[in-house]
Amino acid sequence: MTPVSVGHPRILAIEDDLVLGAYVHEQLGRSGFEVTWCQNGWEGLEMARERSFDVVLMDILLPGMDGLSVLTHLRQSHSTPVVLMSALGAEADRISGFRLGADDYLPKPFSMAELRVRIEAILRRVALDRRPVAIPLNRDSHSLRFDDELCDVYFGQQWAGFTRSEYRLLETLNRSADEVLSKAFLYQHVLQRGYAPHDRSLDMHVSQIRRKLKAIGYAEREVRTVWGKGYVLSAIDEVV
């Protein structure tokens, strides 16, 4: 895993819009972040590979190499949290981003206050993920094994390949013992921000969890939607 830097959080901003890029660089710098700004995908990928950053903030539409391609290449060797930026309504790009390993997305236009909150939430999640936790290994081949250090689950001799956010969401539902958890609760305790009706981040994470559990052949329990209430991790044949 990519180490978190000591001191001011280090942000890599990959944005080709000169006005927005300069504004993000200036405002995040004033907020105590150490910001490196570049304007094309190739340069951004090289920097992300060669230097240590706490968060990568990246536009999807970039010259040279688009943001989704940068993310694909970066995930082959680095787990640095990535926040994608995209035009409001570009749902297909956001779904592809989560599928490729993005940790969050920001629809344009956005406020600097929201950007700071999103970055700070990711930094808190990373800090929590890195706490030393002793977990007894589950030797039952019919159950999921949760690994807090890797932020992933293991079943049938395969790792699911979860992102940090996906892992924290499933682990939270798993600890709740068939209790339905509301979207508002999950946004606050997993994504560490307030729930807004237009924000579909949680739904996308749930979709990815379902897909990845199915891919490794796990069928004992699933994340179910309880309409009007939230989500629950329950047995496949259980009525909720």
Protein backbone atom coordinates (compact mmCIF):
# COMPACT_ATOMS: atom_id res chain seq x y z
CA MET A 1 0.00 0.00 0.00
CA THR A 2 1.09 3.54 -0.64
CA PRO A 3 2.34 5.16 2.59
CA VAL A 4 0.62 8.23 3.97
CA SER A 5 2.96 11.19 4.26
CA VAL A 6 3.84 12.83 7.56
CA GLY A 7 3.00 16.51 8.07
CA HIS A 8 0.72 18.43 5.70
CA PRO A 9 -1.47 16.09 3.62
CA ARG A 10 -0.12 15.86 0.08
CA ILE A 11 -2.62 16.28 -2.74
CA LEU A 12 -2.01 15.63 -6.43
CA ALA A 13 -4.49 17.63 -8.54
CA ILE A 14 -4.74 16.56 -12.21
CA GLU A 15 -6.88 19.17 -13.95
CA ASP A 16 -6.43 20.74 -17.41
CA ASP A 17 -8.82 23.64 -16.81
CA LEU A 18 -6.39 26.45 -15.99
CA VAL A 19 -8.87 28.52 -14.01
CA LEU A 20 -10.21 25.62 -11.93
CA GLY A 21 -6.79 24.06 -11.47
CA ALA A 22 -5.25 27.30 -10.23
CA TYR A 23 -8.19 27.92 -7.91
CA VAL A 24 -8.04 24.41 -6.40
CA HIS A 25 -4.27 24.72 -5.98
CA GLU A 26 -4.57 28.06 -4.21
CA GLN A 27 -7.56 27.26 -2.00
CA LEU A 28 -6.33 23.85 -0.84
CA GLY A 29 -2.93 25.37 -0.16
CA ARG A 30 -4.53 27.97 2.09
CA SER A 31 -6.33 25.17 3.92
CA GLY A 32 -3.08 23.51 4.91
CA PHE A 33 -2.64 20.98 2.11
CA GLU A 34 0.54 20.55 0.12
CA VAL A 35 -0.73 20.59 -3.46
CA THR A 36 0.99 19.49 -6.66
CA TRP A 37 -0.88 20.46 -9.83
CA CYS A 38 -0.42 19.06 -13.33
CA GLN A 39 -2.53 19.44 -16.45
CA ASN A 40 -2.49 16.18 -18.42
CA GLY A 41 -3.02 12.50 -17.78
CA TRP A 42 0.43 11.20 -18.70
CA GLU A 43 2.19 13.64 -16.40
CA GLY A 44 -0.29 12.96 -13.61
CA LEU A 45 0.21 9.19 -13.83
CA GLU A 46 3.99 9.59 -13.74
CA MET A 47 3.81 11.84 -10.69
CA ALA A 48 1.35 9.54 -8.88
CA ARG A 49 3.66 6.58 -9.44
CA GLU A 50 6.92 8.29 -8.51
CA ARG A 51 5.89 10.39 -5.50
CA SER A 52 3.95 9.77 -2.30
CA PHE A 53 0.53 11.43 -2.16
CA ASP A 54 -2.31 11.07 0.33
CA VAL A 55 -5.07 11.79 -2.19
CA VAL A 56 -5.24 12.17 -5.98
CA LEU A 57 -7.89 14.61 -7.22
CA MET A 58 -8.44 14.00 -10.92
CA ASP A 59 -10.70 15.16 -13.73
CA ILE A 60 -12.06 12.45 -16.01
CA LEU A 61 -11.66 14.43 -19.24
CA LEU A 62 -7.92 15.04 -19.59
CA PRO A 63 -5.57 15.57 -22.54
CA GLY A 64 -2.98 12.90 -23.28
CA MET A 65 -4.66 10.19 -21.19
CA ASP A 66 -8.15 10.42 -19.75
CA GLY A 67 -8.76 10.08 -16.03
CA LEU A 68 -10.25 6.58 -16.20
CA SER A 69 -7.17 5.31 -18.05
CA VAL A 70 -4.90 6.99 -15.50
CA LEU A 71 -6.88 5.30 -12.72
CA THR A 72 -6.62 1.90 -14.43
CA HIS A 73 -2.83 2.14 -14.71
CA LEU A 74 -2.42 3.57 -11.21
CA ARG A 75 -4.41 0.77 -9.58
CA GLN A 76 -2.00 -1.82 -10.99
CA SER A 77 0.61 -0.73 -8.46
CA HIS A 78 -0.78 1.91 -6.04
CA SER A 79 -3.72 2.12 -3.60
CA THR A 80 -3.57 5.92 -3.23
CA PRO A 81 -7.15 7.21 -2.72
CA VAL A 82 -8.55 8.83 -5.87
CA VAL A 83 -11.35 11.38 -6.10
CA LEU A 84 -12.71 11.77 -9.62
CA MET A 85 -14.29 14.96 -10.90
CA SER A 86 -16.91 14.82 -13.65
CA ALA A 87 -19.74 16.81 -15.13
CA LEU A 88 -23.03 16.54 -13.27
CA GLY A 89 -25.12 13.81 -14.89
CA ALA A 90 -22.18 11.80 -16.32
CA GLU A 91 -23.35 8.69 -14.46
CA ALA A 92 -21.70 6.19 -16.80
CA ASP A 93 -18.28 7.74 -16.14
CA ARG A 94 -18.85 7.68 -12.39
CA ILE A 95 -19.91 4.02 -12.44
CA SER A 96 -16.83 3.16 -14.50
CA GLY A 97 -14.68 5.11 -12.04
CA PHE A 98 -15.96 3.19 -9.01
CA ARG A 99 -15.56 -0.06 -10.93
CA LEU A 100 -11.91 0.80 -11.63
CA GLY A 101 -11.16 1.62 -7.99
CA ALA A 102 -12.07 5.28 -7.41
CA ASP A 103 -12.80 6.16 -3.78
CA ASP A 104 -15.15 9.07 -4.40
CA TYR A 105 -16.35 11.49 -7.05
CA LEU A 106 -17.31 15.14 -7.18
CA PRO A 107 -19.85 16.37 -9.75
CA LYS A 108 -18.89 19.68 -11.34
CA PRO A 109 -19.45 22.41 -10.39
CA PHE A 110 -18.55 21.96 -6.73
CA SER A 111 -17.69 24.22 -3.82
CA MET A 112 -14.29 24.31 -2.15
CA ALA A 113 -15.99 23.59 1.17
CA GLU A 114 -17.36 20.30 -0.20
CA LEU A 115 -14.01 19.41 -1.75
CA ARG A 116 -12.23 19.93 1.57
CA VAL A 117 -14.82 17.84 3.41
CA ARG A 118 -14.47 14.99 0.89
CA ILE A 119 -10.67 15.00 1.16
CA GLU A 120 -10.74 15.18 4.96
CA ALA A 121 -13.20 12.26 5.08
CA ILE A 122 -10.87 10.13 2.96
CA LEU A 123 -7.90 11.01 5.16
CA ARG A 124 -9.88 9.97 8.24
CA ARG A 125 -10.89 6.69 6.61
CA VAL A 126 -7.29 5.93 5.67
CA ALA A 127 -6.15 6.66 9.22
CA LEU A 128 -8.82 4.30 10.60
CA ASP A 129 -7.90 1.61 8.08
CA ARG A 130 -4.28 1.75 9.22
CA ARG A 131 -5.01 1.13 12.90
CA PRO A 132 -3.37 -2.10 14.06
CA VAL A 133 -6.19 -4.56 14.69
CA ALA A 134 -5.74 -8.20 15.66
CA ILE A 135 -8.34 -10.32 13.89
CA PRO A 136 -8.73 -14.07 14.29
CA LEU A 137 -8.66 -15.68 10.86
CA ASN A 138 -11.89 -17.36 9.89
CA ARG A 139 -11.01 -20.86 8.75
CA ASP A 140 -14.57 -21.74 7.71
CA SER A 141 -14.40 -22.10 3.93
CA HIS A 142 -18.13 -21.29 3.68
CA SER A 143 -17.81 -17.86 5.32
CA LEU A 144 -16.27 -14.57 4.31
CA ARG A 145 -12.97 -13.68 5.93
CA PHE A 146 -12.64 -9.96 6.66
CA ASP A 147 -9.10 -8.55 6.63
CA ASP A 148 -8.90 -5.05 8.13
CA GLU A 149 -5.26 -4.61 7.14
CA LEU A 150 -5.84 -5.28 3.46
CA CYS A 151 -9.37 -3.80 3.51
CA ASP A 152 -10.63 -6.80 1.57
CA VAL A 153 -12.62 -10.02 2.02
CA TYR A 154 -11.56 -13.56 1.16
CA PHE A 155 -13.71 -16.47 0.03
CA GLY A 156 -13.10 -19.61 -1.99
CA GLN A 157 -9.36 -18.96 -2.24
CA GLN A 158 -10.01 -15.54 -3.80
CA TRP A 159 -9.86 -11.92 -2.68
CA ALA A 160 -12.79 -9.78 -3.73
CA GLY A 161 -10.65 -6.77 -4.64
CA PHE A 162 -12.63 -4.20 -2.65
CA THR A 163 -11.78 -0.52 -2.41
CA ARG A 164 -11.47 0.91 1.12
CA SER A 165 -14.97 2.40 0.94
CA GLU A 166 -16.52 -0.86 -0.28
CA TYR A 167 -14.79 -2.80 2.49
CA ARG A 168 -15.86 -0.39 5.24
CA LEU A 169 -19.46 -0.49 3.97
CA LEU A 170 -19.65 -4.30 3.92
CA GLU A 171 -17.83 -4.60 7.25
CA THR A 172 -20.29 -2.14 8.85
CA LEU A 173 -23.27 -4.09 7.53
CA ASN A 174 -21.68 -7.36 8.64
CA ARG A 175 -21.25 -6.08 12.21
CA SER A 176 -24.90 -5.04 12.35
CA ALA A 177 -26.22 -8.63 12.48
CA ASP A 178 -29.16 -8.41 10.06
CA GLU A 179 -30.13 -4.90 11.20
CA VAL A 180 -31.29 -2.55 8.46
CA LEU A 181 -29.02 0.50 8.35
CA SER A 182 -30.32 3.74 6.88
CA LYS A 183 -28.61 5.58 4.06
CA ALA A 184 -28.14 8.58 6.34
CA PHE A 185 -26.33 6.40 8.90
CA LEU A 186 -24.12 4.76 6.29
CA TYR A 187 -23.18 8.07 4.66
CA GLN A 188 -22.18 9.45 8.04
CA HIS A 189 -20.34 6.41 9.42
CA VAL A 190 -18.85 4.90 6.25
CA LEU A 191 -18.43 7.78 3.79
CA GLN A 192 -18.22 10.30 6.65
CA ARG A 193 -20.39 12.96 5.11
CA GLY A 194 -24.05 13.90 5.19
CA TYR A 195 -26.61 12.22 2.97
CA ALA A 196 -27.99 14.15 0.01
CA PRO A 197 -30.74 12.69 -2.22
CA HIS A 198 -28.85 13.37 -5.47
CA ASP A 199 -25.64 11.70 -4.21
CA ARG A 200 -25.52 8.12 -5.52
CA SER A 201 -22.09 7.18 -4.16
CA LEU A 202 -23.53 4.71 -1.66
CA ASP A 203 -25.72 3.00 -4.28
CA MET A 204 -22.72 2.60 -6.57
CA HIS A 205 -20.60 1.12 -3.78
CA VAL A 206 -23.38 -1.38 -3.01
CA SER A 207 -23.58 -2.33 -6.69
CA GLN A 208 -19.83 -2.98 -6.78
CA ILE A 209 -19.96 -5.06 -3.58
CA ARG A 210 -22.70 -7.25 -5.05
CA ARG A 211 -20.78 -7.71 -8.29
CA LYS A 212 -17.49 -8.56 -6.57
CA LEU A 213 -19.04 -11.02 -4.11
CA LYS A 214 -20.77 -12.78 -6.99
CA ALA A 215 -17.48 -12.91 -8.92
CA ILE A 216 -15.77 -14.89 -6.12
CA GLY A 217 -18.74 -17.22 -5.76
CA TYR A 218 -20.04 -16.03 -2.39
CA ALA A 219 -23.79 -16.67 -2.15
CA GLU A 220 -24.52 -17.19 1.55
CA ARG A 221 -25.55 -13.60 2.19
CA GLU A 222 -26.07 -10.50 0.08
CA VAL A 223 -26.49 -6.75 0.51
CA ARG A 224 -30.22 -6.15 0.14
CA THR A 225 -32.12 -2.93 -0.41
CA VAL A 226 -34.98 -2.35 2.00
CA TRP A 227 -37.05 0.27 0.23
CA GLY A 228 -37.65 3.38 2.27
CA LYS A 229 -35.27 2.19 5.02
CA GLY A 230 -31.74 1.42 3.78
CA TYR A 231 -29.52 -1.64 3.38
CA VAL A 232 -29.00 -4.92 5.22
CA LEU A 233 -26.62 -7.87 4.84
CA SER A 234 -28.83 -10.94 5.07
CA ALA A 235 -29.05 -14.57 4.04
CA ILE A 236 -30.03 -15.15 0.41
CA ASP A 237 -33.25 -16.99 1.33
CA GLU A 238 -34.20 -14.61 4.13
CA VAL A 239 -37.17 -12.30 3.61
CA VAL A 240 -36.50 -8.72 4.76
